[in-house]
Amino acid sequence: MSKDIRLAVFEHILQNANRKDLWIDCVNGYTDHAHCLISLSRELSISKTAQLIKGESSFWINKNNLTPNKFAWQDDYWAVSVGEKDLDRLRFYISRQEEHHKKISFKEELKQFCIENGLEK
């Protein structure tokens, strides 16, 4: 997905979340993934929130023919809780996705994260 399309999609995700009372602090990503910093509502689970964001945005992408083929997000998602002391660092990380992934792929980064945090099988 091109940078212009990604930016349009991320802006749409923010606008749609606002209409649905989902609080997304920031969203950004690269060609193969997106990151959202979300404050969960008491009424919605992580899975329902991800479903609302991914389902509506893929519908919008396809309705507006933003990709040559039918678009669909991957079936799964990754969610991690963060404390207030880490918010600024996380916002910076999310805002710098394009520059960051020119140095390391998302797949490599995820593998490294899992190893560092004892999550690798």
PDB file of N, CA and C in Angstrom:
ATOM      1  N   MET A   1       0.853  -1.174   0.000  1.00  0.00           N
ATOM      2  CA  MET A   1       0.000   0.000   0.000  1.00  0.00           C
ATOM      3  C   MET A   1       0.902   1.241   0.000  1.00  0.00           C
ATOM      4  N   SER A   2       0.630   2.159  -0.906  1.00  0.00           N
ATOM      5  CA  SER A   2       1.459   3.354  -1.019  1.00  0.00           C
ATOM      6  C   SER A   2       1.315   4.249   0.208  1.00  0.00           C
ATOM      7  N   LYS A   3       2.282   5.144   0.360  1.00  0.00           N
ATOM      8  CA  LYS A   3       2.268   6.048   1.506  1.00  0.00           C
ATOM      9  C   LYS A   3       1.013   6.927   1.507  1.00  0.00           C
ATOM     10  N   ASP A   4       0.625   7.464   0.355  1.00  0.00           N
ATOM     11  CA  ASP A   4      -0.568   8.312   0.284  1.00  0.00           C
ATOM     12  C   ASP A   4      -1.823   7.554   0.689  1.00  0.00           C
ATOM     13  N   ILE A   5      -1.938   6.324   0.228  1.00  0.00           N
ATOM     14  CA  ILE A   5      -3.109   5.510   0.595  1.00  0.00           C
ATOM     15  C   ILE A   5      -3.072   5.185   2.085  1.00  0.00           C
ATOM     16  N   ARG A   6      -1.886   4.821   2.598  1.00  0.00           N
ATOM     17  CA  ARG A   6      -1.772   4.532   4.039  1.00  0.00           C
ATOM     18  C   ARG A   6      -2.214   5.729   4.870  1.00  0.00           C
ATOM     19  N   LEU A   7      -1.731   6.910   4.505  1.00  0.00           N
ATOM     20  CA  LEU A   7      -2.107   8.109   5.263  1.00  0.00           C
ATOM     21  C   LEU A   7      -3.605   8.358   5.214  1.00  0.00           C
ATOM     22  N   ALA A   8      -4.225   8.148   4.053  1.00  0.00           N
ATOM     23  CA  ALA A   8      -5.682   8.317   3.933  1.00  0.00           C
ATOM     24  C   ALA A   8      -6.410   7.295   4.797  1.00  0.00           C
ATOM     25  N   VAL A   9      -5.921   6.065   4.795  1.00  0.00           N
ATOM     26  CA  VAL A   9      -6.552   5.005   5.605  1.00  0.00           C
ATOM     27  C   VAL A   9      -6.410   5.323   7.087  1.00  0.00           C
ATOM     28  N   PHE A  10      -5.226   5.750   7.514  1.00  0.00           N
ATOM     29  CA  PHE A  10      -5.021   6.051   8.928  1.00  0.00           C
ATOM     30  C   PHE A  10      -5.884   7.232   9.367  1.00  0.00           C
ATOM     31  N   GLU A  11      -6.016   8.226   8.515  1.00  0.00           N
ATOM     32  CA  GLU A  11      -6.886   9.366   8.830  1.00  0.00           C
ATOM     33  C   GLU A  11      -8.338   8.903   8.929  1.00  0.00           C
ATOM     34  N   HIS A  12      -8.744   8.027   8.026  1.00  0.00           N
ATOM     35  CA  HIS A  12     -10.109   7.496   8.076  1.00  0.00           C
ATOM     36  C   HIS A  12     -10.333   6.688   9.359  1.00  0.00           C
ATOM     37  N   ILE A  13      -9.354   5.880   9.731  1.00  0.00           N
ATOM     38  CA  ILE A  13      -9.477   5.095  10.970  1.00  0.00           C
ATOM     39  C   ILE A  13      -9.699   6.027  12.157  1.00  0.00           C
ATOM     40  N   LEU A  14      -8.931   7.112  12.232  1.00  0.00           N
ATOM     41  CA  LEU A  14      -9.096   8.070  13.329  1.00  0.00           C
ATOM     42  C   LEU A  14     -10.478   8.716  13.310  1.00  0.00           C
ATOM     43  N   GLN A  15     -10.933   9.147  12.143  1.00  0.00           N
ATOM     44  CA  GLN A  15     -12.251   9.787  12.035  1.00  0.00           C
ATOM     45  C   GLN A  15     -13.373   8.817  12.383  1.00  0.00           C
ATOM     46  N   ASN A  16     -13.292   7.595  11.878  1.00  0.00           N
ATOM     47  CA  ASN A  16     -14.326   6.605  12.158  1.00  0.00           C
ATOM     48  C   ASN A  16     -14.343   6.228  13.638  1.00  0.00           C
ATOM     49  N   ALA A  17     -13.165   6.095  14.231  1.00  0.00           N
ATOM     50  CA  ALA A  17     -13.096   5.770  15.659  1.00  0.00           C
ATOM     51  C   ALA A  17     -13.766   6.863  16.476  1.00  0.00           C
ATOM     52  N   ASN A  18     -13.541   8.094  16.097  1.00  0.00           N
ATOM     53  CA  ASN A  18     -14.158   9.215  16.799  1.00  0.00           C
ATOM     54  C   ASN A  18     -15.687   9.132  16.721  1.00  0.00           C
ATOM     55  N   ARG A  19     -16.203   8.789  15.558  1.00  0.00           N
ATOM     56  CA  ARG A  19     -17.659   8.650  15.392  1.00  0.00           C
ATOM     57  C   ARG A  19     -18.228   7.511  16.227  1.00  0.00           C
ATOM     58  N   LYS A  20     -17.416   6.475  16.472  1.00  0.00           N
ATOM     59  CA  LYS A  20     -17.878   5.297  17.215  1.00  0.00           C
ATOM     60  C   LYS A  20     -17.462   5.332  18.680  1.00  0.00           C
ATOM     61  N   ASP A  21     -16.984   6.489  19.143  1.00  0.00           N
ATOM     62  CA  ASP A  21     -16.537   6.640  20.526  1.00  0.00           C
ATOM     63  C   ASP A  21     -15.417   5.669  20.910  1.00  0.00           C
ATOM     64  N   LEU A  22     -14.557   5.365  19.943  1.00  0.00           N
ATOM     65  CA  LEU A  22     -13.335   4.617  20.225  1.00  0.00           C
ATOM     66  C   LEU A  22     -12.236   5.655  20.374  1.00  0.00           C
ATOM     67  N   TRP A  23     -11.404   5.539  21.399  1.00  0.00           N
ATOM     68  CA  TRP A  23     -10.378   6.539  21.598  1.00  0.00           C
ATOM     69  C   TRP A  23      -9.049   6.013  21.085  1.00  0.00           C
ATOM     70  N   ILE A  24      -8.655   6.522  19.905  1.00  0.00           N
ATOM     71  CA  ILE A  24      -7.363   6.171  19.322  1.00  0.00           C
ATOM     72  C   ILE A  24      -6.464   7.391  19.460  1.00  0.00           C
ATOM     73  N   ASP A  25      -5.399   7.232  20.193  1.00  0.00           N
ATOM     74  CA  ASP A  25      -4.440   8.314  20.413  1.00  0.00           C
ATOM     75  C   ASP A  25      -3.665   8.598  19.137  1.00  0.00           C
ATOM     76  N   CYS A  26      -3.153   7.541  18.491  1.00  0.00           N
ATOM     77  CA  CYS A  26      -2.421   7.700  17.243  1.00  0.00           C
ATOM     78  C   CYS A  26      -2.460   6.395  16.458  1.00  0.00           C
ATOM     79  N   VAL A  27      -2.272   6.526  15.159  1.00  0.00           N
ATOM     80  CA  VAL A  27      -2.220   5.362  14.267  1.00  0.00           C
ATOM     81  C   VAL A  27      -1.206   5.664  13.172  1.00  0.00           C
ATOM     82  N   ASN A  28      -0.449   4.651  12.829  1.00  0.00           N
ATOM     83  CA  ASN A  28       0.524   4.757  11.742  1.00  0.00           C
ATOM     84  C   ASN A  28       0.999   3.345  11.444  1.00  0.00           C
ATOM     85  N   GLY A  29       1.716   3.191  10.384  1.00  0.00           N
ATOM     86  CA  GLY A  29       2.227   1.875  10.038  1.00  0.00           C
ATOM     87  C   GLY A  29       3.136   1.944   8.842  1.00  0.00           C
ATOM     88  N   TYR A  30       3.338   0.785   8.259  1.00  0.00           N
ATOM     89  CA  TYR A  30       4.171   0.688   7.082  1.00  0.00           C
ATOM     90  C   TYR A  30       3.428  -0.154   6.049  1.00  0.00           C
ATOM     91  N   THR A  31       4.110  -0.664   5.076  1.00  0.00           N
ATOM     92  CA  THR A  31       3.434  -1.328   3.955  1.00  0.00           C
ATOM     93  C   THR A  31       2.680  -2.591   4.354  1.00  0.00           C
ATOM     94  N   ASP A  32       3.078  -3.235   5.431  1.00  0.00           N
ATOM     95  CA  ASP A  32       2.484  -4.527   5.771  1.00  0.00           C
ATOM     96  C   ASP A  32       1.834  -4.589   7.150  1.00  0.00           C
ATOM     97  N   HIS A  33       1.665  -3.454   7.826  1.00  0.00           N
ATOM     98  CA  HIS A  33       1.046  -3.488   9.150  1.00  0.00           C
ATOM     99  C   HIS A  33       0.684  -2.072   9.605  1.00  0.00           C
ATOM    100  N   ALA A  34      -0.114  -2.026  10.646  1.00  0.00           N
ATOM    101  CA  ALA A  34      -0.495  -0.743  11.244  1.00  0.00           C
ATOM    102  C   ALA A  34      -0.424  -0.871  12.761  1.00  0.00           C
ATOM    103  N   HIS A  35      -0.114   0.245  13.414  1.00  0.00           N
ATOM    104  CA  HIS A  35      -0.098   0.318  14.871  1.00  0.00           C
ATOM    105  C   HIS A  35      -1.139   1.342  15.302  1.00  0.00           C
ATOM    106  N   CYS A  36      -1.903   1.009  16.321  1.00  0.00           N
ATOM    107  CA  CYS A  36      -2.854   1.950  16.920  1.00  0.00           C
ATOM    108  C   CYS A  36      -2.591   1.989  18.423  1.00  0.00           C
ATOM    109  N   LEU A  37      -2.500   3.179  18.951  1.00  0.00           N
ATOM    110  CA  LEU A  37      -2.435   3.352  20.406  1.00  0.00           C
ATOM    111  C   LEU A  37      -3.850   3.689  20.839  1.00  0.00           C
ATOM    112  N   ILE A  38      -4.460   2.767  21.564  1.00  0.00           N
ATOM    113  CA  ILE A  38      -5.887   2.830  21.887  1.00  0.00           C
ATOM    114  C   ILE A  38      -6.084   2.805  23.391  1.00  0.00           C
ATOM    115  N   SER A  39      -7.027   3.590  23.860  1.00  0.00           N
ATOM    116  CA  SER A  39      -7.491   3.469  25.227  1.00  0.00           C
ATOM    117  C   SER A  39      -8.826   2.725  25.160  1.00  0.00           C
ATOM    118  N   LEU A  40      -8.856   1.540  25.726  1.00  0.00           N
ATOM    119  CA  LEU A  40     -10.059   0.709  25.630  1.00  0.00           C
ATOM    120  C   LEU A  40     -11.192   1.238  26.495  1.00  0.00           C
ATOM    121  N   SER A  41     -12.368   1.133  25.963  1.00  0.00           N
ATOM    122  CA  SER A  41     -13.554   1.481  26.739  1.00  0.00           C
ATOM    123  C   SER A  41     -13.897   0.290  27.637  1.00  0.00           C
ATOM    124  N   ARG A  42     -14.607   0.565  28.675  1.00  0.00           N
ATOM    125  CA  ARG A  42     -15.043  -0.496  29.587  1.00  0.00           C
ATOM    126  C   ARG A  42     -15.965  -1.490  28.904  1.00  0.00           C
ATOM    127  N   GLU A  43     -16.719  -0.999  27.914  1.00  0.00           N
ATOM    128  CA  GLU A  43     -17.744  -1.811  27.272  1.00  0.00           C
ATOM    129  C   GLU A  43     -17.232  -2.694  26.142  1.00  0.00           C
ATOM    130  N   LEU A  44     -16.032  -2.404  25.621  1.00  0.00           N
ATOM    131  CA  LEU A  44     -15.535  -3.142  24.468  1.00  0.00           C
ATOM    132  C   LEU A  44     -14.268  -3.916  24.798  1.00  0.00           C
ATOM    133  N   SER A  45     -14.231  -5.155  24.358  1.00  0.00           N
ATOM    134  CA  SER A  45     -13.028  -5.972  24.521  1.00  0.00           C
ATOM    135  C   SER A  45     -11.996  -5.567  23.476  1.00  0.00           C
ATOM    136  N   ILE A  46     -10.801  -6.059  23.648  1.00  0.00           N
ATOM    137  CA  ILE A  46      -9.750  -5.814  22.659  1.00  0.00           C
ATOM    138  C   ILE A  46     -10.183  -6.394  21.312  1.00  0.00           C
ATOM    139  N   SER A  47     -10.707  -7.607  21.314  1.00  0.00           N
ATOM    140  CA  SER A  47     -11.094  -8.243  20.048  1.00  0.00           C
ATOM    141  C   SER A  47     -12.215  -7.480  19.349  1.00  0.00           C
ATOM    142  N   LYS A  48     -13.193  -6.991  20.081  1.00  0.00           N
ATOM    143  CA  LYS A  48     -14.277  -6.220  19.470  1.00  0.00           C
ATOM    144  C   LYS A  48     -13.757  -4.895  18.923  1.00  0.00           C
ATOM    145  N   THR A  49     -12.870  -4.254  19.641  1.00  0.00           N
ATOM    146  CA  THR A  49     -12.282  -2.999  19.175  1.00  0.00           C
ATOM    147  C   THR A  49     -11.501  -3.231  17.884  1.00  0.00           C
ATOM    148  N   ALA A  50     -10.670  -4.284  17.860  1.00  0.00           N
ATOM    149  CA  ALA A  50      -9.907  -4.606  16.643  1.00  0.00           C
ATOM    150  C   ALA A  50     -10.857  -4.913  15.485  1.00  0.00           C
ATOM    151  N   GLN A  51     -11.918  -5.640  15.771  1.00  0.00           N
ATOM    152  CA  GLN A  51     -12.899  -5.976  14.731  1.00  0.00           C
ATOM    153  C   GLN A  51     -13.544  -4.710  14.166  1.00  0.00           C
ATOM    154  N   LEU A  52     -13.915  -3.778  15.020  1.00  0.00           N
ATOM    155  CA  LEU A  52     -14.538  -2.533  14.561  1.00  0.00           C
ATOM    156  C   LEU A  52     -13.576  -1.727  13.686  1.00  0.00           C
ATOM    157  N   ILE A  53     -12.334  -1.634  14.107  1.00  0.00           N
ATOM    158  CA  ILE A  53     -11.351  -0.855  13.347  1.00  0.00           C
ATOM    159  C   ILE A  53     -11.025  -1.538  12.026  1.00  0.00           C
ATOM    160  N   LYS A  54     -10.688  -2.811  12.078  1.00  0.00           N
ATOM    161  CA  LYS A  54     -10.258  -3.517  10.877  1.00  0.00           C
ATOM    162  C   LYS A  54     -11.410  -3.743   9.903  1.00  0.00           C
ATOM    163  N   GLY A  55     -12.560  -4.127  10.419  1.00  0.00           N
ATOM    164  CA  GLY A  55     -13.697  -4.415   9.537  1.00  0.00           C
ATOM    165  C   GLY A  55     -14.173  -3.192   8.782  1.00  0.00           C
ATOM    166  N   GLU A  56     -14.367  -2.106   9.503  1.00  0.00           N
ATOM    167  CA  GLU A  56     -14.867  -0.887   8.853  1.00  0.00           C
ATOM    168  C   GLU A  56     -13.834  -0.310   7.901  1.00  0.00           C
ATOM    169  N   SER A  57     -12.555  -0.315   8.289  1.00  0.00           N
ATOM    170  CA  SER A  57     -11.538   0.276   7.414  1.00  0.00           C
ATOM    171  C   SER A  57     -11.332  -0.557   6.146  1.00  0.00           C
ATOM    172  N   SER A  58     -11.379  -1.874   6.236  1.00  0.00           N
ATOM    173  CA  SER A  58     -11.246  -2.683   5.014  1.00  0.00           C
ATOM    174  C   SER A  58     -12.457  -2.468   4.108  1.00  0.00           C
ATOM    175  N   PHE A  59     -13.656  -2.337   4.684  1.00  0.00           N
ATOM    176  CA  PHE A  59     -14.850  -2.022   3.886  1.00  0.00           C
ATOM    177  C   PHE A  59     -14.655  -0.690   3.163  1.00  0.00           C
ATOM    178  N   TRP A  60     -14.162   0.325   3.880  1.00  0.00           N
ATOM    179  CA  TRP A  60     -13.955   1.652   3.303  1.00  0.00           C
ATOM    180  C   TRP A  60     -12.905   1.621   2.198  1.00  0.00           C
ATOM    181  N   ILE A  61     -11.810   0.896   2.423  1.00  0.00           N
ATOM    182  CA  ILE A  61     -10.751   0.764   1.416  1.00  0.00           C
ATOM    183  C   ILE A  61     -11.321   0.152   0.136  1.00  0.00           C
ATOM    184  N   ASN A  62     -12.097  -0.924   0.285  1.00  0.00           N
ATOM    185  CA  ASN A  62     -12.665  -1.601  -0.886  1.00  0.00           C
ATOM    186  C   ASN A  62     -13.747  -0.762  -1.566  1.00  0.00           C
ATOM    187  N   LYS A  63     -14.582  -0.097  -0.779  1.00  0.00           N
ATOM    188  CA  LYS A  63     -15.638   0.752  -1.340  1.00  0.00           C
ATOM    189  C   LYS A  63     -15.040   1.871  -2.187  1.00  0.00           C
ATOM    190  N   ASN A  64     -13.896   2.381  -1.764  1.00  0.00           N
ATOM    191  CA  ASN A  64     -13.240   3.481  -2.473  1.00  0.00           C
ATOM    192  C   ASN A  64     -12.180   3.014  -3.472  1.00  0.00           C
ATOM    193  N   ASN A  65     -12.099   1.702  -3.685  1.00  0.00           N
ATOM    194  CA  ASN A  65     -11.163   1.125  -4.666  1.00  0.00           C
ATOM    195  C   ASN A  65      -9.741   1.649  -4.499  1.00  0.00           C
ATOM    196  N   LEU A  66      -9.256   1.653  -3.261  1.00  0.00           N
ATOM    197  CA  LEU A  66      -7.923   2.176  -2.987  1.00  0.00           C
ATOM    198  C   LEU A  66      -6.808   1.193  -3.320  1.00  0.00           C
ATOM    199  N   THR A  67      -7.157  -0.066  -3.484  1.00  0.00           N
ATOM    200  CA  THR A  67      -6.165  -1.086  -3.848  1.00  0.00           C
ATOM    201  C   THR A  67      -6.650  -1.808  -5.106  1.00  0.00           C
ATOM    202  N   PRO A  68      -5.716  -2.319  -5.914  1.00  0.00           N
ATOM    203  CA  PRO A  68      -6.127  -2.980  -7.163  1.00  0.00           C
ATOM    204  C   PRO A  68      -6.906  -4.275  -6.927  1.00  0.00           C
ATOM    205  N   ASN A  69      -6.631  -4.936  -5.822  1.00  0.00           N
ATOM    206  CA  ASN A  69      -7.332  -6.176  -5.478  1.00  0.00           C
ATOM    207  C   ASN A  69      -8.137  -5.945  -4.206  1.00  0.00           C
ATOM    208  N   LYS A  70      -9.034  -6.882  -3.927  1.00  0.00           N
ATOM    209  CA  LYS A  70      -9.817  -6.766  -2.697  1.00  0.00           C
ATOM    210  C   LYS A  70      -8.865  -6.740  -1.504  1.00  0.00           C
ATOM    211  N   PHE A  71      -9.086  -5.765  -0.611  1.00  0.00           N
ATOM    212  CA  PHE A  71      -8.231  -5.601   0.554  1.00  0.00           C
ATOM    213  C   PHE A  71      -8.834  -6.299   1.756  1.00  0.00           C
ATOM    214  N   ALA A  72      -7.978  -6.923   2.546  1.00  0.00           N
ATOM    215  CA  ALA A  72      -8.392  -7.501   3.832  1.00  0.00           C
ATOM    216  C   ALA A  72      -7.196  -7.453   4.771  1.00  0.00           C
ATOM    217  N   TRP A  73      -7.443  -7.029   6.004  1.00  0.00           N
ATOM    218  CA  TRP A  73      -6.408  -7.105   7.024  1.00  0.00           C
ATOM    219  C   TRP A  73      -6.182  -8.569   7.347  1.00  0.00           C
ATOM    220  N   GLN A  74      -5.045  -8.895   7.932  1.00  0.00           N
ATOM    221  CA  GLN A  74      -4.832 -10.269   8.385  1.00  0.00           C
ATOM    222  C   GLN A  74      -5.857 -10.607   9.456  1.00  0.00           C
ATOM    223  N   ASP A  75      -6.084 -11.887   9.676  1.00  0.00           N
ATOM    224  CA  ASP A  75      -7.110 -12.317  10.629  1.00  0.00           C
ATOM    225  C   ASP A  75      -6.783 -11.969  12.075  1.00  0.00           C
ATOM    226  N   ASP A  76      -5.498 -11.969  12.419  1.00  0.00           N
ATOM    227  CA  ASP A  76      -5.157 -11.772  13.823  1.00  0.00           C
ATOM    228  C   ASP A  76      -4.674 -10.354  14.085  1.00  0.00           C
ATOM    229  N   TYR A  77      -4.332 -10.107  15.321  1.00  0.00           N
ATOM    230  CA  TYR A  77      -3.809  -8.818  15.739  1.00  0.00           C
ATOM    231  C   TYR A  77      -2.920  -9.049  16.954  1.00  0.00           C
ATOM    232  N   TRP A  78      -2.147  -8.062  17.298  1.00  0.00           N
ATOM    233  CA  TRP A  78      -1.241  -8.133  18.442  1.00  0.00           C
ATOM    234  C   TRP A  78      -1.619  -6.989  19.362  1.00  0.00           C
ATOM    235  N   ALA A  79      -1.857  -7.271  20.609  1.00  0.00           N
ATOM    236  CA  ALA A  79      -2.196  -6.229  21.577  1.00  0.00           C
ATOM    237  C   ALA A  79      -1.274  -6.347  22.785  1.00  0.00           C
ATOM    238  N   VAL A  80      -0.767  -5.204  23.218  1.00  0.00           N
ATOM    239  CA  VAL A  80       0.123  -5.138  24.374  1.00  0.00           C
ATOM    240  C   VAL A  80      -0.324  -3.953  25.216  1.00  0.00           C
ATOM    241  N   SER A  81      -0.405  -4.142  26.515  1.00  0.00           N
ATOM    242  CA  SER A  81      -0.747  -3.005  27.366  1.00  0.00           C
ATOM    243  C   SER A  81       0.513  -2.222  27.702  1.00  0.00           C
ATOM    244  N   VAL A  82       0.341  -0.927  27.882  1.00  0.00           N
ATOM    245  CA  VAL A  82       1.472  -0.064  28.222  1.00  0.00           C
ATOM    246  C   VAL A  82       1.071   0.849  29.375  1.00  0.00           C
ATOM    247  N   GLY A  83       2.057   1.235  30.155  1.00  0.00           N
ATOM    248  CA  GLY A  83       1.833   2.163  31.251  1.00  0.00           C
ATOM    249  C   GLY A  83       2.015   3.599  30.794  1.00  0.00           C
ATOM    250  N   GLU A  84       1.540   4.514  31.598  1.00  0.00           N
ATOM    251  CA  GLU A  84       1.633   5.935  31.254  1.00  0.00           C
ATOM    252  C   GLU A  84       3.063   6.391  31.005  1.00  0.00           C
ATOM    253  N   LYS A  85       4.003   5.842  31.726  1.00  0.00           N
ATOM    254  CA  LYS A  85       5.390   6.279  31.569  1.00  0.00           C
ATOM    255  C   LYS A  85       5.951   5.923  30.194  1.00  0.00           C
ATOM    256  N   ASP A  86       5.331   4.990  29.484  1.00  0.00           N
ATOM    257  CA  ASP A  86       5.817   4.564  28.168  1.00  0.00           C
ATOM    258  C   ASP A  86       5.066   5.210  27.001  1.00  0.00           C
ATOM    259  N   LEU A  87       4.066   6.034  27.288  1.00  0.00           N
ATOM    260  CA  LEU A  87       3.230   6.578  26.214  1.00  0.00           C
ATOM    261  C   LEU A  87       3.995   7.453  25.229  1.00  0.00           C
ATOM    262  N   ASP A  88       4.820   8.355  25.703  1.00  0.00           N
ATOM    263  CA  ASP A  88       5.552   9.230  24.781  1.00  0.00           C
ATOM    264  C   ASP A  88       6.505   8.430  23.900  1.00  0.00           C
ATOM    265  N   ARG A  89       7.173   7.461  24.482  1.00  0.00           N
ATOM    266  CA  ARG A  89       8.088   6.621  23.700  1.00  0.00           C
ATOM    267  C   ARG A  89       7.324   5.824  22.645  1.00  0.00           C
ATOM    268  N   LEU A  90       6.150   5.313  23.016  1.00  0.00           N
ATOM    269  CA  LEU A  90       5.331   4.551  22.075  1.00  0.00           C
ATOM    270  C   LEU A  90       4.774   5.448  20.967  1.00  0.00           C
ATOM    271  N   ARG A  91       4.331   6.640  21.321  1.00  0.00           N
ATOM    272  CA  ARG A  91       3.861   7.588  20.298  1.00  0.00           C
ATOM    273  C   ARG A  91       4.973   7.885  19.292  1.00  0.00           C
ATOM    274  N   PHE A  92       6.188   8.088  19.785  1.00  0.00           N
ATOM    275  CA  PHE A  92       7.327   8.361  18.910  1.00  0.00           C
ATOM    276  C   PHE A  92       7.582   7.159  18.004  1.00  0.00           C
ATOM    277  N   TYR A  93       7.571   5.959  18.563  1.00  0.00           N
ATOM    278  CA  TYR A  93       7.783   4.735  17.784  1.00  0.00           C
ATOM    279  C   TYR A  93       6.723   4.613  16.681  1.00  0.00           C
ATOM    280  N   ILE A  94       5.476   4.822  17.027  1.00  0.00           N
ATOM    281  CA  ILE A  94       4.396   4.720  16.045  1.00  0.00           C
ATOM    282  C   ILE A  94       4.548   5.788  14.965  1.00  0.00           C
ATOM    283  N   SER A  95       4.913   6.985  15.340  1.00  0.00           N
ATOM    284  CA  SER A  95       5.029   8.076  14.374  1.00  0.00           C
ATOM    285  C   SER A  95       6.181   7.864  13.394  1.00  0.00           C
ATOM    286  N   ARG A  96       7.152   7.046  13.728  1.00  0.00           N
ATOM    287  CA  ARG A  96       8.361   6.869  12.910  1.00  0.00           C
ATOM    288  C   ARG A  96       8.394   5.524  12.172  1.00  0.00           C
ATOM    289  N   GLN A  97       7.254   4.948  11.876  1.00  0.00           N
ATOM    290  CA  GLN A  97       7.220   3.626  11.262  1.00  0.00           C
ATOM    291  C   GLN A  97       7.958   3.532   9.924  1.00  0.00           C
ATOM    292  N   GLU A  98       7.765   4.497   9.058  1.00  0.00           N
ATOM    293  CA  GLU A  98       8.404   4.416   7.747  1.00  0.00           C
ATOM    294  C   GLU A  98       9.929   4.412   7.880  1.00  0.00           C
ATOM    295  N   GLU A  99      10.470   5.322   8.651  1.00  0.00           N
ATOM    296  CA  GLU A  99      11.911   5.375   8.851  1.00  0.00           C
ATOM    297  C   GLU A  99      12.416   4.121   9.566  1.00  0.00           C
ATOM    298  N   HIS A 100      11.681   3.697  10.571  1.00  0.00           N
ATOM    299  CA  HIS A 100      12.065   2.542  11.376  1.00  0.00           C
ATOM    300  C   HIS A 100      12.166   1.276  10.523  1.00  0.00           C
ATOM    301  N   HIS A 101      11.170   1.048   9.665  1.00  0.00           N
ATOM    302  CA  HIS A 101      11.143  -0.209   8.905  1.00  0.00           C
ATOM    303  C   HIS A 101      11.986  -0.173   7.639  1.00  0.00           C
ATOM    304  N   LYS A 102      12.660   0.920   7.394  1.00  0.00           N
ATOM    305  CA  LYS A 102      13.688   0.913   6.349  1.00  0.00           C
ATOM    306  C   LYS A 102      14.935   0.214   6.880  1.00  0.00           C
ATOM    307  N   LYS A 103      15.046   0.113   8.217  1.00  0.00           N
ATOM    308  CA  LYS A 103      16.212  -0.503   8.856  1.00  0.00           C
ATOM    309  C   LYS A 103      15.966  -1.961   9.239  1.00  0.00           C
ATOM    310  N   ILE A 104      14.740  -2.281   9.624  1.00  0.00           N
ATOM    311  CA  ILE A 104      14.406  -3.638  10.072  1.00  0.00           C
ATOM    312  C   ILE A 104      12.975  -3.941   9.646  1.00  0.00           C
ATOM    313  N   SER A 105      12.766  -5.140   9.113  1.00  0.00           N
ATOM    314  CA  SER A 105      11.406  -5.500   8.682  1.00  0.00           C
ATOM    315  C   SER A 105      10.516  -5.747   9.899  1.00  0.00           C
ATOM    316  N   PHE A 106       9.222  -5.660   9.684  1.00  0.00           N
ATOM    317  CA  PHE A 106       8.282  -5.917  10.765  1.00  0.00           C
ATOM    318  C   PHE A 106       8.434  -7.351  11.264  1.00  0.00           C
ATOM    319  N   LYS A 107       8.604  -8.290  10.348  1.00  0.00           N
ATOM    320  CA  LYS A 107       8.756  -9.694  10.725  1.00  0.00           C
ATOM    321  C   LYS A 107       9.991  -9.887  11.607  1.00  0.00           C
ATOM    322  N   GLU A 108      11.114  -9.273  11.212  1.00  0.00           N
ATOM    323  CA  GLU A 108      12.342  -9.376  12.015  1.00  0.00           C
ATOM    324  C   GLU A 108      12.165  -8.710  13.375  1.00  0.00           C
ATOM    325  N   GLU A 109      11.502  -7.557  13.385  1.00  0.00           N
ATOM    326  CA  GLU A 109      11.289  -6.843  14.636  1.00  0.00           C
ATOM    327  C   GLU A 109      10.401  -7.640  15.586  1.00  0.00           C
ATOM    328  N   LEU A 110       9.350  -8.241  15.056  1.00  0.00           N
ATOM    329  CA  LEU A 110       8.449  -9.032  15.883  1.00  0.00           C
ATOM    330  C   LEU A 110       9.169 -10.243  16.473  1.00  0.00           C
ATOM    331  N   LYS A 111       9.989 -10.896  15.664  1.00  0.00           N
ATOM    332  CA  LYS A 111      10.762 -12.038  16.165  1.00  0.00           C
ATOM    333  C   LYS A 111      11.698 -11.587  17.287  1.00  0.00           C
ATOM    334  N   GLN A 112      12.384 -10.481  17.085  1.00  0.00           N
ATOM    335  CA  GLN A 112      13.297  -9.942  18.106  1.00  0.00           C
ATOM    336  C   GLN A 112      12.540  -9.592  19.383  1.00  0.00           C
ATOM    337  N   PHE A 113      11.367  -8.959  19.259  1.00  0.00           N
ATOM    338  CA  PHE A 113      10.542  -8.602  20.413  1.00  0.00           C
ATOM    339  C   PHE A 113      10.151  -9.865  21.195  1.00  0.00           C
ATOM    340  N   CYS A 114       9.744 -10.895  20.483  1.00  0.00           N
ATOM    341  CA  CYS A 114       9.336 -12.138  21.148  1.00  0.00           C
ATOM    342  C   CYS A 114      10.492 -12.784  21.896  1.00  0.00           C
ATOM    343  N   ILE A 115      11.660 -12.797  21.275  1.00  0.00           N
ATOM    344  CA  ILE A 115      12.841 -13.368  21.933  1.00  0.00           C
ATOM    345  C   ILE A 115      13.180 -12.577  23.188  1.00  0.00           C
ATOM    346  N   GLU A 116      13.224 -11.245  23.066  1.00  0.00           N
ATOM    347  CA  GLU A 116      13.588 -10.386  24.196  1.00  0.00           C
ATOM    348  C   GLU A 116      12.606 -10.484  25.354  1.00  0.00           C
ATOM    349  N   ASN A 117      11.363 -10.828  25.063  1.00  0.00           N
ATOM    350  CA  ASN A 117      10.339 -10.871  26.106  1.00  0.00           C
ATOM    351  C   ASN A 117       9.890 -12.278  26.445  1.00  0.00           C
ATOM    352  N   GLY A 118      10.679 -13.284  26.038  1.00  0.00           N
ATOM    353  CA  GLY A 118      10.400 -14.672  26.387  1.00  0.00           C
ATOM    354  C   GLY A 118       9.118 -15.197  25.796  1.00  0.00           C
ATOM    355  N   LEU A 119       8.739 -14.704  24.622  1.00  0.00           N
ATOM    356  CA  LEU A 119       7.491 -15.123  23.992  1.00  0.00           C
ATOM    357  C   LEU A 119       7.702 -16.090  22.837  1.00  0.00           C
ATOM    358  N   GLU A 120       8.947 -16.377  22.500  1.00  0.00           N
ATOM    359  CA  GLU A 120       9.200 -17.262  21.369  1.00  0.00           C
ATOM    360  C   GLU A 120       8.958 -18.701  21.793  1.00  0.00           C
ATOM    361  N   LYS A 121       8.342 -19.440  20.881  1.00  0.00           N
ATOM    362  CA  LYS A 121       8.001 -20.845  21.160  1.00  0.00           C
ATOM    363  C   LYS A 121       9.212 -21.721  21.095  1.00  0.00           C
TER     364      LYS A 121
END
